[in-house]
N, C-alpha and C. Protein backbone atom coordinates (compact mmCIF):
# COMPACT_ATOMS: atom_id res chain seq x y z
N MET A 1 5.04 23.33 8.61
CA MET A 1 5.82 22.10 8.57
C MET A 1 5.79 21.52 7.16
N LYS A 2 6.98 21.28 6.60
CA LYS A 2 7.06 20.65 5.28
C LYS A 2 6.91 19.15 5.46
N VAL A 3 5.99 18.57 4.69
CA VAL A 3 5.71 17.14 4.79
C VAL A 3 6.30 16.42 3.58
N THR A 4 7.01 15.33 3.83
CA THR A 4 7.58 14.50 2.76
C THR A 4 6.73 13.25 2.61
N VAL A 5 6.20 13.02 1.39
CA VAL A 5 5.33 11.85 1.14
C VAL A 5 6.09 10.84 0.28
N ILE A 6 6.23 9.62 0.81
CA ILE A 6 6.93 8.54 0.11
C ILE A 6 5.91 7.48 -0.28
N GLY A 7 5.83 7.16 -1.57
CA GLY A 7 4.93 6.10 -2.03
C GLY A 7 5.69 4.81 -2.23
N VAL A 8 5.14 3.70 -1.70
CA VAL A 8 5.76 2.38 -1.88
C VAL A 8 4.73 1.46 -2.53
N ALA A 9 4.99 1.11 -3.81
CA ALA A 9 4.06 0.26 -4.56
C ALA A 9 4.76 -1.03 -4.98
N GLY A 10 3.97 -1.94 -5.56
CA GLY A 10 4.51 -3.22 -6.02
C GLY A 10 3.42 -4.27 -5.92
N GLY A 11 3.64 -5.40 -6.54
CA GLY A 11 2.63 -6.46 -6.55
C GLY A 11 2.42 -7.09 -5.19
N THR A 12 1.36 -7.89 -5.09
CA THR A 12 1.05 -8.60 -3.85
C THR A 12 2.23 -9.50 -3.47
N GLY A 13 2.62 -9.48 -2.18
CA GLY A 13 3.71 -10.34 -1.72
C GLY A 13 5.09 -9.95 -2.21
N SER A 14 5.24 -8.71 -2.69
CA SER A 14 6.53 -8.30 -3.28
C SER A 14 7.57 -7.94 -2.23
N GLY A 15 7.14 -7.66 -1.00
CA GLY A 15 8.07 -7.22 0.05
C GLY A 15 7.85 -5.76 0.43
N LYS A 16 6.70 -5.20 0.04
CA LYS A 16 6.37 -3.81 0.37
C LYS A 16 6.32 -3.59 1.88
N SER A 17 5.63 -4.48 2.57
CA SER A 17 5.45 -4.31 4.02
C SER A 17 6.78 -4.35 4.76
N THR A 18 7.68 -5.23 4.31
CA THR A 18 9.01 -5.31 4.94
C THR A 18 9.77 -4.02 4.69
N LEU A 19 9.67 -3.48 3.47
CA LEU A 19 10.34 -2.22 3.15
C LEU A 19 9.77 -1.08 3.99
N VAL A 20 8.44 -1.02 4.09
CA VAL A 20 7.79 0.03 4.90
C VAL A 20 8.26 -0.06 6.34
N LYS A 21 8.37 -1.28 6.87
CA LYS A 21 8.83 -1.46 8.26
C LYS A 21 10.25 -0.93 8.43
N ARG A 22 11.11 -1.20 7.46
CA ARG A 22 12.50 -0.71 7.52
C ARG A 22 12.53 0.82 7.50
N LEU A 23 11.66 1.43 6.69
CA LEU A 23 11.59 2.90 6.62
C LEU A 23 11.05 3.48 7.92
N GLN A 24 10.03 2.83 8.48
CA GLN A 24 9.47 3.29 9.76
C GLN A 24 10.54 3.28 10.85
N GLU A 25 11.34 2.22 10.87
CA GLU A 25 12.41 2.12 11.87
C GLU A 25 13.47 3.19 11.64
N ALA A 26 13.82 3.42 10.36
CA ALA A 26 14.88 4.39 10.04
C ALA A 26 14.48 5.82 10.37
N PHE A 27 13.18 6.12 10.25
CA PHE A 27 12.73 7.50 10.45
C PHE A 27 11.85 7.67 11.68
N ALA A 28 12.02 6.76 12.65
CA ALA A 28 11.21 6.82 13.87
C ALA A 28 11.37 8.16 14.57
N SER A 29 12.56 8.74 14.52
CA SER A 29 12.81 10.02 15.21
C SER A 29 12.25 11.20 14.44
N GLU A 30 11.86 10.97 13.18
CA GLU A 30 11.37 12.06 12.32
C GLU A 30 9.86 12.23 12.40
N ASP A 31 9.17 11.36 13.16
CA ASP A 31 7.72 11.47 13.25
C ASP A 31 7.09 10.99 11.93
N VAL A 32 6.83 9.68 11.85
CA VAL A 32 6.36 9.04 10.62
C VAL A 32 4.94 8.50 10.79
N VAL A 33 4.13 8.63 9.74
CA VAL A 33 2.82 7.98 9.72
C VAL A 33 2.72 7.17 8.43
N THR A 34 2.07 6.00 8.50
CA THR A 34 1.90 5.16 7.31
C THR A 34 0.42 5.02 6.99
N LEU A 35 0.07 5.28 5.75
CA LEU A 35 -1.30 5.07 5.28
C LEU A 35 -1.28 3.98 4.22
N CYS A 36 -1.94 2.85 4.51
CA CYS A 36 -2.02 1.76 3.54
C CYS A 36 -3.26 1.94 2.68
N HIS A 37 -3.10 1.74 1.39
CA HIS A 37 -4.24 1.81 0.48
C HIS A 37 -5.30 0.79 0.89
N ASP A 38 -4.86 -0.34 1.47
CA ASP A 38 -5.78 -1.38 1.91
C ASP A 38 -6.79 -0.89 2.95
N TYR A 39 -6.44 0.14 3.73
CA TYR A 39 -7.40 0.70 4.69
C TYR A 39 -8.63 1.24 3.97
N TYR A 40 -8.44 1.61 2.71
CA TYR A 40 -9.45 2.39 1.98
C TYR A 40 -10.28 1.56 0.99
N TYR A 41 -10.30 0.23 1.21
CA TYR A 41 -11.24 -0.57 0.42
C TYR A 41 -12.65 -0.06 0.66
N LYS A 42 -13.46 -0.01 -0.40
CA LYS A 42 -14.83 0.48 -0.27
C LYS A 42 -15.66 -0.45 0.61
N ALA A 43 -16.59 0.14 1.37
CA ALA A 43 -17.52 -0.63 2.20
C ALA A 43 -18.64 -1.18 1.31
N HIS A 44 -19.09 -2.41 1.62
CA HIS A 44 -20.20 -3.00 0.86
C HIS A 44 -21.23 -3.63 1.82
N PRO A 45 -21.87 -2.79 2.65
CA PRO A 45 -22.86 -3.33 3.59
C PRO A 45 -24.09 -3.89 2.89
N GLU A 46 -24.29 -3.47 1.62
CA GLU A 46 -25.47 -3.91 0.88
C GLU A 46 -25.33 -5.34 0.36
N LEU A 47 -24.10 -5.91 0.42
CA LEU A 47 -23.87 -7.25 -0.11
C LEU A 47 -23.76 -8.28 1.01
N THR A 48 -24.09 -9.53 0.70
CA THR A 48 -23.89 -10.62 1.66
C THR A 48 -22.41 -10.98 1.68
N TYR A 49 -22.01 -11.75 2.69
CA TYR A 49 -20.62 -12.19 2.79
C TYR A 49 -20.21 -12.95 1.53
N GLU A 50 -21.09 -13.85 1.06
CA GLU A 50 -20.78 -14.64 -0.14
C GLU A 50 -20.56 -13.75 -1.35
N GLU A 51 -21.41 -12.72 -1.48
CA GLU A 51 -21.28 -11.79 -2.61
C GLU A 51 -19.97 -11.00 -2.50
N ARG A 52 -19.61 -10.61 -1.27
CA ARG A 52 -18.38 -9.84 -1.08
C ARG A 52 -17.14 -10.65 -1.41
N THR A 53 -17.19 -11.96 -1.15
CA THR A 53 -16.02 -12.81 -1.43
C THR A 53 -15.75 -12.90 -2.94
N LYS A 54 -16.77 -12.60 -3.74
CA LYS A 54 -16.61 -12.73 -5.20
C LYS A 54 -16.20 -11.42 -5.89
N LEU A 55 -16.08 -10.34 -5.12
CA LEU A 55 -15.69 -9.06 -5.71
C LEU A 55 -14.22 -9.08 -6.16
N ASN A 56 -13.89 -8.24 -7.11
CA ASN A 56 -12.51 -8.12 -7.60
C ASN A 56 -11.80 -7.05 -6.75
N TYR A 57 -10.98 -7.49 -5.80
CA TYR A 57 -10.32 -6.58 -4.88
C TYR A 57 -9.00 -6.03 -5.42
N ASP A 58 -8.66 -6.38 -6.65
CA ASP A 58 -7.40 -5.93 -7.23
C ASP A 58 -7.61 -4.92 -8.35
N HIS A 59 -8.84 -4.44 -8.49
CA HIS A 59 -9.15 -3.42 -9.50
C HIS A 59 -9.13 -2.05 -8.82
N PRO A 60 -8.64 -1.01 -9.51
CA PRO A 60 -8.59 0.33 -8.90
C PRO A 60 -9.94 0.80 -8.33
N GLN A 61 -11.05 0.37 -8.94
CA GLN A 61 -12.36 0.84 -8.47
C GLN A 61 -12.79 0.22 -7.15
N SER A 62 -12.04 -0.77 -6.65
CA SER A 62 -12.40 -1.38 -5.36
C SER A 62 -11.94 -0.52 -4.18
N PHE A 63 -11.14 0.52 -4.48
CA PHE A 63 -10.62 1.41 -3.43
C PHE A 63 -11.31 2.77 -3.45
N ASP A 64 -11.45 3.35 -2.26
CA ASP A 64 -11.92 4.74 -2.16
C ASP A 64 -10.67 5.63 -2.16
N THR A 65 -10.05 5.73 -3.34
CA THR A 65 -8.79 6.47 -3.46
C THR A 65 -9.01 7.96 -3.25
N ASP A 66 -10.20 8.46 -3.59
CA ASP A 66 -10.51 9.88 -3.37
C ASP A 66 -10.37 10.24 -1.89
N MET A 67 -10.81 9.34 -1.02
CA MET A 67 -10.70 9.59 0.43
C MET A 67 -9.24 9.61 0.87
N LEU A 68 -8.43 8.70 0.32
CA LEU A 68 -7.00 8.67 0.65
C LEU A 68 -6.33 9.98 0.21
N VAL A 69 -6.66 10.45 -0.98
CA VAL A 69 -6.11 11.71 -1.49
C VAL A 69 -6.49 12.86 -0.55
N GLU A 70 -7.77 12.92 -0.16
CA GLU A 70 -8.23 13.96 0.77
C GLU A 70 -7.47 13.90 2.09
N HIS A 71 -7.25 12.68 2.60
CA HIS A 71 -6.57 12.51 3.88
C HIS A 71 -5.10 12.97 3.81
N ILE A 72 -4.42 12.64 2.71
CA ILE A 72 -3.02 13.08 2.58
C ILE A 72 -2.96 14.60 2.48
N ARG A 73 -3.86 15.18 1.70
CA ARG A 73 -3.90 16.65 1.59
C ARG A 73 -4.14 17.30 2.95
N ALA A 74 -5.06 16.72 3.73
CA ALA A 74 -5.37 17.26 5.06
C ALA A 74 -4.14 17.20 5.96
N LEU A 75 -3.44 16.06 5.96
CA LEU A 75 -2.25 15.91 6.80
C LEU A 75 -1.16 16.90 6.38
N LYS A 76 -1.04 17.13 5.06
CA LYS A 76 -0.05 18.10 4.58
C LYS A 76 -0.41 19.53 5.01
N GLU A 77 -1.71 19.75 5.27
CA GLU A 77 -2.16 21.07 5.75
C GLU A 77 -2.18 21.13 7.28
N ASN A 78 -1.58 20.10 7.91
CA ASN A 78 -1.50 20.04 9.38
C ASN A 78 -2.86 19.79 10.05
N VAL A 79 -3.76 19.08 9.33
CA VAL A 79 -5.09 18.76 9.86
C VAL A 79 -5.14 17.26 10.16
N PRO A 80 -5.51 16.85 11.40
CA PRO A 80 -5.59 15.42 11.73
C PRO A 80 -6.71 14.74 10.91
N ILE A 81 -6.57 13.43 10.73
CA ILE A 81 -7.59 12.66 10.01
C ILE A 81 -7.96 11.41 10.82
N GLU A 82 -8.98 10.68 10.35
CA GLU A 82 -9.32 9.36 10.90
C GLU A 82 -9.46 8.41 9.71
N HIS A 83 -8.54 7.46 9.62
CA HIS A 83 -8.63 6.55 8.48
C HIS A 83 -9.53 5.36 8.80
N PRO A 84 -10.20 4.81 7.79
CA PRO A 84 -11.07 3.65 8.02
C PRO A 84 -10.28 2.39 8.31
N VAL A 85 -10.98 1.37 8.79
CA VAL A 85 -10.36 0.07 9.08
C VAL A 85 -11.11 -0.99 8.27
N TYR A 86 -10.35 -1.85 7.59
CA TYR A 86 -10.96 -2.87 6.74
C TYR A 86 -10.66 -4.25 7.29
N SER A 87 -11.68 -5.12 7.31
CA SER A 87 -11.49 -6.50 7.77
C SER A 87 -11.37 -7.44 6.57
N PHE A 88 -10.20 -8.09 6.44
CA PHE A 88 -10.00 -9.04 5.34
C PHE A 88 -10.68 -10.37 5.63
N VAL A 89 -11.08 -10.58 6.87
CA VAL A 89 -11.81 -11.80 7.23
C VAL A 89 -13.27 -11.66 6.79
N ASP A 90 -13.88 -10.48 7.07
CA ASP A 90 -15.28 -10.25 6.71
C ASP A 90 -15.46 -9.63 5.32
N HIS A 91 -14.35 -9.24 4.70
CA HIS A 91 -14.40 -8.56 3.40
C HIS A 91 -15.28 -7.31 3.45
N ASN A 92 -15.10 -6.53 4.49
CA ASN A 92 -15.91 -5.31 4.62
C ASN A 92 -15.22 -4.33 5.55
N ARG A 93 -15.59 -3.06 5.42
CA ARG A 93 -15.07 -2.03 6.30
C ARG A 93 -15.74 -2.16 7.67
N THR A 94 -14.99 -1.95 8.72
CA THR A 94 -15.55 -2.04 10.08
C THR A 94 -16.06 -0.66 10.51
N GLU A 95 -16.65 -0.61 11.71
CA GLU A 95 -17.14 0.67 12.25
C GLU A 95 -15.99 1.50 12.82
N GLU A 96 -14.85 0.83 13.05
CA GLU A 96 -13.72 1.49 13.71
C GLU A 96 -13.06 2.52 12.80
N LYS A 97 -12.51 3.58 13.43
CA LYS A 97 -11.69 4.57 12.70
C LYS A 97 -10.44 4.83 13.53
N VAL A 98 -9.32 5.08 12.87
CA VAL A 98 -8.06 5.29 13.57
C VAL A 98 -7.61 6.73 13.40
N PRO A 99 -7.48 7.48 14.52
CA PRO A 99 -7.02 8.87 14.41
C PRO A 99 -5.55 8.95 14.02
N VAL A 100 -5.21 9.89 13.14
CA VAL A 100 -3.83 10.07 12.68
C VAL A 100 -3.48 11.55 12.78
N LYS A 101 -2.36 11.83 13.45
CA LYS A 101 -1.91 13.22 13.57
C LYS A 101 -0.97 13.57 12.42
N PRO A 102 -0.90 14.84 12.03
CA PRO A 102 0.04 15.25 10.99
C PRO A 102 1.48 14.90 11.39
N SER A 103 2.28 14.50 10.40
CA SER A 103 3.67 14.11 10.65
C SER A 103 4.57 14.65 9.55
N LYS A 104 5.86 14.66 9.85
CA LYS A 104 6.83 15.17 8.86
C LYS A 104 6.99 14.24 7.66
N VAL A 105 6.80 12.93 7.92
CA VAL A 105 6.96 11.94 6.85
C VAL A 105 5.69 11.08 6.76
N ILE A 106 5.12 10.99 5.56
CA ILE A 106 3.96 10.12 5.33
C ILE A 106 4.40 9.04 4.34
N ILE A 107 4.25 7.78 4.75
CA ILE A 107 4.52 6.66 3.84
C ILE A 107 3.17 6.13 3.36
N VAL A 108 3.00 6.08 2.04
CA VAL A 108 1.77 5.53 1.45
C VAL A 108 2.13 4.22 0.77
N ASP A 109 1.37 3.16 1.12
CA ASP A 109 1.74 1.81 0.72
C ASP A 109 0.54 1.14 0.04
N GLY A 110 0.78 0.50 -1.12
CA GLY A 110 -0.31 -0.22 -1.78
C GLY A 110 0.06 -0.70 -3.17
N ILE A 111 -0.69 -1.68 -3.66
CA ILE A 111 -0.35 -2.25 -4.97
C ILE A 111 -0.67 -1.28 -6.11
N LEU A 112 -1.67 -0.41 -5.91
CA LEU A 112 -2.17 0.41 -7.02
C LEU A 112 -2.00 1.92 -6.82
N ILE A 113 -1.13 2.31 -5.90
CA ILE A 113 -1.04 3.75 -5.58
C ILE A 113 -0.42 4.59 -6.69
N PHE A 114 0.32 3.96 -7.63
CA PHE A 114 0.88 4.74 -8.74
C PHE A 114 -0.06 4.78 -9.94
N GLU A 115 -1.15 4.01 -9.87
CA GLU A 115 -2.10 3.96 -10.98
C GLU A 115 -2.93 5.25 -11.04
N ASN A 116 -3.09 5.90 -9.89
CA ASN A 116 -3.93 7.10 -9.80
C ASN A 116 -3.07 8.37 -9.89
N LYS A 117 -3.33 9.19 -10.91
CA LYS A 117 -2.50 10.38 -11.17
C LYS A 117 -2.55 11.38 -10.01
N GLU A 118 -3.76 11.61 -9.50
CA GLU A 118 -3.94 12.58 -8.41
C GLU A 118 -3.14 12.17 -7.18
N LEU A 119 -3.15 10.88 -6.88
CA LEU A 119 -2.41 10.35 -5.73
C LEU A 119 -0.90 10.43 -5.98
N ARG A 120 -0.48 10.05 -7.18
CA ARG A 120 0.96 10.11 -7.54
C ARG A 120 1.52 11.51 -7.34
N GLU A 121 0.74 12.51 -7.74
CA GLU A 121 1.24 13.89 -7.71
C GLU A 121 1.44 14.43 -6.29
N LEU A 122 0.92 13.73 -5.30
CA LEU A 122 1.12 14.15 -3.90
C LEU A 122 2.44 13.61 -3.33
N MET A 123 3.09 12.72 -4.09
CA MET A 123 4.28 12.02 -3.58
C MET A 123 5.57 12.74 -3.97
N ASP A 124 6.49 12.82 -3.01
CA ASP A 124 7.82 13.40 -3.26
C ASP A 124 8.78 12.35 -3.80
N MET A 125 8.53 11.08 -3.46
CA MET A 125 9.35 9.99 -3.98
C MET A 125 8.47 8.77 -4.16
N LYS A 126 8.63 8.10 -5.31
CA LYS A 126 7.83 6.91 -5.61
C LYS A 126 8.76 5.70 -5.75
N VAL A 127 8.53 4.69 -4.91
CA VAL A 127 9.39 3.50 -4.88
C VAL A 127 8.56 2.29 -5.30
N PHE A 128 9.05 1.53 -6.28
CA PHE A 128 8.36 0.32 -6.73
C PHE A 128 9.18 -0.90 -6.34
N VAL A 129 8.52 -1.84 -5.66
CA VAL A 129 9.18 -3.07 -5.23
C VAL A 129 8.92 -4.14 -6.29
N ASP A 130 9.99 -4.65 -6.90
CA ASP A 130 9.88 -5.56 -8.04
C ASP A 130 10.37 -6.95 -7.63
N THR A 131 9.45 -7.91 -7.60
CA THR A 131 9.80 -9.26 -7.14
C THR A 131 9.17 -10.30 -8.06
N ASP A 132 9.88 -11.40 -8.28
CA ASP A 132 9.44 -12.48 -9.15
C ASP A 132 8.04 -12.99 -8.76
N ALA A 133 7.21 -13.27 -9.78
CA ALA A 133 5.82 -13.67 -9.56
C ALA A 133 5.69 -14.94 -8.71
N ASP A 134 6.58 -15.91 -8.89
CA ASP A 134 6.50 -17.16 -8.11
C ASP A 134 6.70 -16.89 -6.62
N ILE A 135 7.65 -16.03 -6.30
CA ILE A 135 7.92 -15.68 -4.90
C ILE A 135 6.73 -14.93 -4.32
N ARG A 136 6.16 -14.01 -5.11
CA ARG A 136 5.02 -13.24 -4.63
C ARG A 136 3.82 -14.13 -4.34
N LEU A 137 3.56 -15.10 -5.21
CA LEU A 137 2.43 -16.02 -5.00
C LEU A 137 2.64 -16.86 -3.74
N ALA A 138 3.86 -17.38 -3.56
CA ALA A 138 4.15 -18.19 -2.37
C ALA A 138 3.93 -17.39 -1.10
N ARG A 139 4.39 -16.13 -1.09
CA ARG A 139 4.21 -15.27 0.10
C ARG A 139 2.74 -14.98 0.34
N ARG A 140 1.98 -14.76 -0.74
CA ARG A 140 0.56 -14.45 -0.59
C ARG A 140 -0.20 -15.65 0.00
N ILE A 141 0.13 -16.87 -0.47
CA ILE A 141 -0.53 -18.06 0.06
C ILE A 141 -0.26 -18.17 1.56
N LEU A 142 1.01 -18.03 1.95
CA LEU A 142 1.37 -18.11 3.37
C LEU A 142 0.61 -17.08 4.20
N ARG A 143 0.59 -15.83 3.72
CA ARG A 143 -0.04 -14.74 4.48
C ARG A 143 -1.55 -14.95 4.60
N ASP A 144 -2.23 -15.26 3.47
CA ASP A 144 -3.68 -15.35 3.50
C ASP A 144 -4.19 -16.56 4.28
N VAL A 145 -3.46 -17.66 4.20
CA VAL A 145 -3.85 -18.86 4.96
C VAL A 145 -3.60 -18.64 6.45
N ARG A 146 -2.44 -18.07 6.77
CA ARG A 146 -2.05 -17.91 8.18
C ARG A 146 -2.78 -16.75 8.86
N ASP A 147 -2.86 -15.59 8.18
CA ASP A 147 -3.35 -14.37 8.84
C ASP A 147 -4.81 -14.04 8.54
N ARG A 148 -5.34 -14.56 7.44
CA ARG A 148 -6.68 -14.13 7.02
C ARG A 148 -7.69 -15.27 6.98
N GLY A 149 -7.28 -16.44 7.50
CA GLY A 149 -8.22 -17.55 7.64
C GLY A 149 -8.72 -18.12 6.32
N ARG A 150 -7.92 -18.02 5.26
CA ARG A 150 -8.38 -18.47 3.94
C ARG A 150 -7.87 -19.89 3.67
N SER A 151 -8.56 -20.60 2.78
CA SER A 151 -8.06 -21.91 2.34
C SER A 151 -7.07 -21.69 1.19
N MET A 152 -6.16 -22.65 1.01
CA MET A 152 -5.18 -22.53 -0.06
C MET A 152 -5.87 -22.49 -1.42
N GLU A 153 -6.96 -23.30 -1.56
CA GLU A 153 -7.69 -23.33 -2.83
C GLU A 153 -8.27 -21.96 -3.17
N SER A 154 -8.84 -21.26 -2.15
CA SER A 154 -9.47 -19.96 -2.42
C SER A 154 -8.41 -18.92 -2.77
N VAL A 155 -7.24 -19.00 -2.13
CA VAL A 155 -6.16 -18.05 -2.41
C VAL A 155 -5.66 -18.23 -3.85
N ILE A 156 -5.44 -19.47 -4.26
CA ILE A 156 -4.94 -19.74 -5.62
C ILE A 156 -5.98 -19.38 -6.66
N SER A 157 -7.26 -19.66 -6.36
CA SER A 157 -8.34 -19.31 -7.29
C SER A 157 -8.42 -17.80 -7.48
N GLN A 158 -8.34 -17.05 -6.36
CA GLN A 158 -8.39 -15.58 -6.45
C GLN A 158 -7.18 -15.05 -7.22
N TYR A 159 -6.02 -15.63 -6.96
CA TYR A 159 -4.80 -15.19 -7.63
C TYR A 159 -4.93 -15.38 -9.15
N THR A 160 -5.42 -16.54 -9.55
CA THR A 160 -5.54 -16.85 -10.98
C THR A 160 -6.59 -16.00 -11.67
N ASN A 161 -7.73 -15.79 -10.98
CA ASN A 161 -8.88 -15.12 -11.62
C ASN A 161 -8.79 -13.59 -11.61
N THR A 162 -8.24 -13.02 -10.53
CA THR A 162 -8.22 -11.55 -10.46
C THR A 162 -6.84 -10.95 -10.17
N VAL A 163 -6.10 -11.51 -9.22
CA VAL A 163 -4.83 -10.90 -8.81
C VAL A 163 -3.84 -10.81 -9.96
N LYS A 164 -3.61 -11.94 -10.64
CA LYS A 164 -2.62 -11.97 -11.74
C LYS A 164 -3.05 -11.09 -12.91
N PRO A 165 -4.32 -11.20 -13.40
CA PRO A 165 -4.72 -10.33 -14.52
C PRO A 165 -4.67 -8.85 -14.17
N MET A 166 -5.06 -8.49 -12.94
CA MET A 166 -5.05 -7.08 -12.53
C MET A 166 -3.62 -6.57 -12.36
N HIS A 167 -2.73 -7.46 -11.90
CA HIS A 167 -1.32 -7.09 -11.79
C HIS A 167 -0.77 -6.73 -13.16
N GLU A 168 -1.10 -7.57 -14.15
CA GLU A 168 -0.59 -7.34 -15.50
C GLU A 168 -1.21 -6.11 -16.15
N GLU A 169 -2.49 -5.82 -15.81
CA GLU A 169 -3.18 -4.69 -16.44
C GLU A 169 -2.86 -3.35 -15.76
N PHE A 170 -2.73 -3.36 -14.42
CA PHE A 170 -2.60 -2.09 -13.70
C PHE A 170 -1.30 -1.91 -12.91
N VAL A 171 -0.89 -2.95 -12.18
CA VAL A 171 0.26 -2.80 -11.27
C VAL A 171 1.58 -2.70 -12.03
N GLU A 172 1.84 -3.69 -12.88
CA GLU A 172 3.11 -3.72 -13.61
C GLU A 172 3.31 -2.46 -14.48
N PRO A 173 2.26 -2.00 -15.23
CA PRO A 173 2.46 -0.78 -16.03
C PRO A 173 2.75 0.46 -15.19
N SER A 174 2.26 0.47 -13.93
CA SER A 174 2.47 1.66 -13.08
C SER A 174 3.93 1.80 -12.64
N LYS A 175 4.72 0.76 -12.87
CA LYS A 175 6.15 0.79 -12.51
C LYS A 175 6.87 1.93 -13.22
N ARG A 176 6.37 2.32 -14.38
CA ARG A 176 7.04 3.38 -15.14
C ARG A 176 7.01 4.73 -14.44
N TYR A 177 6.13 4.90 -13.47
CA TYR A 177 6.04 6.16 -12.73
C TYR A 177 7.01 6.22 -11.55
N ALA A 178 7.67 5.11 -11.25
CA ALA A 178 8.54 5.05 -10.07
C ALA A 178 9.82 5.86 -10.27
N ASP A 179 10.27 6.49 -9.19
CA ASP A 179 11.58 7.16 -9.19
C ASP A 179 12.68 6.15 -8.90
N VAL A 180 12.33 5.13 -8.09
CA VAL A 180 13.29 4.11 -7.67
C VAL A 180 12.61 2.75 -7.78
N ILE A 181 13.32 1.75 -8.35
CA ILE A 181 12.81 0.37 -8.40
C ILE A 181 13.75 -0.50 -7.56
N ILE A 182 13.15 -1.19 -6.58
CA ILE A 182 13.97 -2.02 -5.68
C ILE A 182 13.59 -3.49 -5.84
N PRO A 183 14.47 -4.32 -6.39
CA PRO A 183 14.20 -5.76 -6.44
C PRO A 183 14.16 -6.33 -5.03
N GLU A 184 13.13 -7.12 -4.74
CA GLU A 184 12.99 -7.81 -3.44
C GLU A 184 12.63 -6.90 -2.26
N GLY A 185 12.42 -5.63 -2.50
CA GLY A 185 11.93 -4.73 -1.45
C GLY A 185 12.79 -4.68 -0.21
N GLY A 186 12.14 -4.86 0.96
CA GLY A 186 12.82 -4.73 2.24
C GLY A 186 13.90 -5.75 2.49
N PHE A 187 13.95 -6.80 1.64
CA PHE A 187 14.98 -7.83 1.80
C PHE A 187 16.28 -7.44 1.09
N ASN A 188 16.25 -6.33 0.33
CA ASN A 188 17.42 -5.87 -0.41
C ASN A 188 18.13 -4.79 0.42
N SER A 189 19.03 -5.21 1.28
CA SER A 189 19.65 -4.31 2.27
C SER A 189 20.42 -3.15 1.64
N VAL A 190 21.15 -3.42 0.56
CA VAL A 190 21.95 -2.37 -0.08
C VAL A 190 21.03 -1.29 -0.64
N ALA A 191 19.98 -1.70 -1.37
CA ALA A 191 19.03 -0.74 -1.97
C ALA A 191 18.29 0.03 -0.88
N VAL A 192 17.92 -0.65 0.21
CA VAL A 192 17.19 0.01 1.30
C VAL A 192 18.06 1.09 1.94
N ALA A 193 19.34 0.78 2.15
CA ALA A 193 20.26 1.76 2.75
C ALA A 193 20.39 3.00 1.87
N MET A 194 20.47 2.79 0.55
CA MET A 194 20.56 3.92 -0.37
C MET A 194 19.26 4.73 -0.38
N LEU A 195 18.13 4.02 -0.32
CA LEU A 195 16.82 4.70 -0.30
C LEU A 195 16.69 5.57 0.95
N ILE A 196 17.08 5.03 2.09
CA ILE A 196 17.00 5.78 3.36
C ILE A 196 17.84 7.05 3.27
N GLN A 197 19.02 6.92 2.68
CA GLN A 197 19.90 8.09 2.51
C GLN A 197 19.24 9.16 1.63
N ASN A 198 18.60 8.72 0.54
CA ASN A 198 17.91 9.66 -0.36
C ASN A 198 16.74 10.36 0.33
N ILE A 199 15.99 9.60 1.12
CA ILE A 199 14.83 10.19 1.83
C ILE A 199 15.33 11.20 2.87
N ARG A 200 16.45 10.87 3.55
CA ARG A 200 17.03 11.80 4.53
C ARG A 200 17.37 13.13 3.86
N SER A 201 17.94 13.04 2.64
CA SER A 201 18.29 14.25 1.89
C SER A 201 17.05 15.08 1.58
N LEU A 202 15.97 14.39 1.19
CA LEU A 202 14.70 15.08 0.90
C LEU A 202 14.18 15.83 2.12
N ILE A 203 14.24 15.14 3.27
CA ILE A 203 13.72 15.73 4.51
C ILE A 203 14.58 16.95 4.91
N GLN A 204 15.89 16.82 4.76
CA GLN A 204 16.79 17.92 5.13
C GLN A 204 16.60 19.13 4.22
N GLU A 205 16.30 18.87 2.93
CA GLU A 205 16.02 19.97 2.01
C GLU A 205 14.77 20.73 2.42
N ALA A 206 13.80 19.98 2.99
CA ALA A 206 12.57 20.62 3.45
C ALA A 206 12.86 21.50 4.63
């Protein structure tokens, strides 16, 4: 079975998740699996909760990218995997693991997935979601306060101290590796329709 790997990158709150959802819906009949880089945050059982809250979660070293690379390679070889589960409330990996079967289409989603050369080289198409920083910050505040139990002050502090500097150092420069750049991500209907058509062509070629 030929496997098509699509990478979707972009800054926090850029619209990546909405784009991934649109792709999942478009290729539901093709047997799709999604692996989020966020699943692969490193575990820190040796640290207290307070210490974990102070870690820089926007640096490439905060992810176990080697494990993600191994998992994609395994799926491409038709071998099932179990991906880890990360709790954004506890800032730590949980004991849970999620079984994933090999599929024809693998969507890889994350802010830093184009920063790693080994990971990039596994992708058949790389899509970067490009959205204005003010919109991204507003979406991040809404998401973290509503879904992750955070205070607005802590979200803004984290954004200023680590998210914004890491975006400028790692995320934005990785845009140059993209095959396709989509302003506003999943909210850009015309670009999404064209992207779906391109991915269909890739799958048919396989």
